[in-house]
Protein backbone atom coordinates (compact mmCIF):
# COMPACT_ATOMS: atom_id res chain seq x y z
CA MET A 1 116.56 102.80 103.96
CA LEU A 2 120.34 102.52 103.77
CA GLY A 3 120.64 106.18 104.72
CA VAL A 4 118.66 105.61 107.91
CA ILE A 5 120.84 102.64 108.87
CA VAL A 6 124.05 104.59 108.23
CA ASP A 7 122.78 107.60 110.17
CA THR A 8 121.73 105.41 113.09
CA TYR A 9 125.10 103.66 113.20
CA MET A 10 126.87 107.02 113.11
CA LEU A 11 124.81 108.13 116.11
CA VAL A 12 125.75 104.92 117.93
CA LEU A 13 129.43 105.64 117.17
CA LEU A 14 129.04 109.19 118.43
CA ALA A 15 127.43 107.90 121.63
CA ARG A 16 130.35 105.54 122.14
CA VAL A 17 132.84 108.36 121.68
CA VAL A 18 131.01 110.54 124.20
CA MET A 19 130.79 107.67 126.67
CA SER A 20 134.52 107.06 126.32
CA TRP A 21 135.12 110.63 127.49
CA VAL A 22 132.96 110.00 130.55
CA GLN A 23 134.67 106.64 131.12
CA LEU A 24 131.68 104.61 132.22
CA ASP A 25 132.37 101.05 133.29
CA PRO A 26 131.13 98.66 130.57
CA TYR A 27 130.83 95.85 133.12
CA ARG A 28 128.38 97.79 135.28
CA ASN A 29 126.45 99.71 132.66
CA PRO A 30 124.39 97.68 130.16
CA VAL A 31 124.03 100.62 127.74
CA VAL A 32 127.81 100.90 127.43
CA ARG A 33 128.05 97.14 126.96
CA VAL A 34 125.53 97.26 124.09
CA LEU A 35 127.30 100.20 122.43
CA TYR A 36 130.62 98.40 122.66
CA SER A 37 129.20 95.17 121.27
CA ILE A 38 127.71 97.02 118.29
CA THR A 39 130.73 99.15 117.46
CA GLU A 40 133.78 97.12 118.48
CA PRO A 41 133.64 94.63 115.55
CA VAL A 42 133.92 97.57 113.15
CA LEU A 43 136.38 99.69 115.14
CA ALA A 44 138.86 96.97 116.19
CA PRO A 45 140.30 96.20 112.72
CA ILE A 46 140.70 99.89 111.95
CA ARG A 47 142.24 100.55 115.35
CA SER A 48 144.79 97.78 114.78
CA ALA A 49 145.74 99.18 111.36
CA LEU A 50 145.74 102.83 112.43
CA PRO A 51 148.12 103.72 115.25
CA ALA A 52 146.94 106.03 118.01
CA VAL A 53 148.33 109.52 117.60
CA GLY A 54 149.11 111.26 120.86
CA GLY A 55 146.96 108.76 122.72
CA LEU A 56 143.89 109.58 120.60
CA ASP A 57 141.91 106.89 118.79
CA PHE A 58 140.86 108.07 115.34
CA SER A 59 139.10 104.85 114.31
CA PRO A 60 135.58 106.29 114.90
CA VAL A 61 136.44 109.22 112.63
CA VAL A 62 137.63 106.85 109.91
CA VAL A 63 134.46 104.77 110.18
CA MET A 64 132.27 107.89 110.02
CA VAL A 65 134.08 109.15 106.92
CA VAL A 66 133.74 105.75 105.21
CA LEU A 67 130.05 105.55 106.13
CA SER A 68 129.47 109.05 104.77
CA ILE A 69 131.12 108.07 101.48
CA VAL A 70 129.05 104.88 101.30
CA LYS A 71 125.87 106.79 102.02
CA ARG A 72 126.61 109.38 99.34
CA THR A 73 127.63 106.76 96.80
CA LEU A 74 124.72 104.37 97.30
CA GLY A 75 122.07 106.70 98.61
């Protein structure tokens, strides 16, 4: 069960990353708003602790690595 939750959250993170490349307006698109509301509470603390390198945000990568470790450890 935990594996399914982790995999689903990783897909949501991936969708957010892809949507950030497309730069959809979160105020006009409800899907983007939902993705942001699900992922931002996890990404924001990591983003504040991890500086952007060359304008790139690596917080989704950090979260995915941590989730993979959690999944392997507990699953």
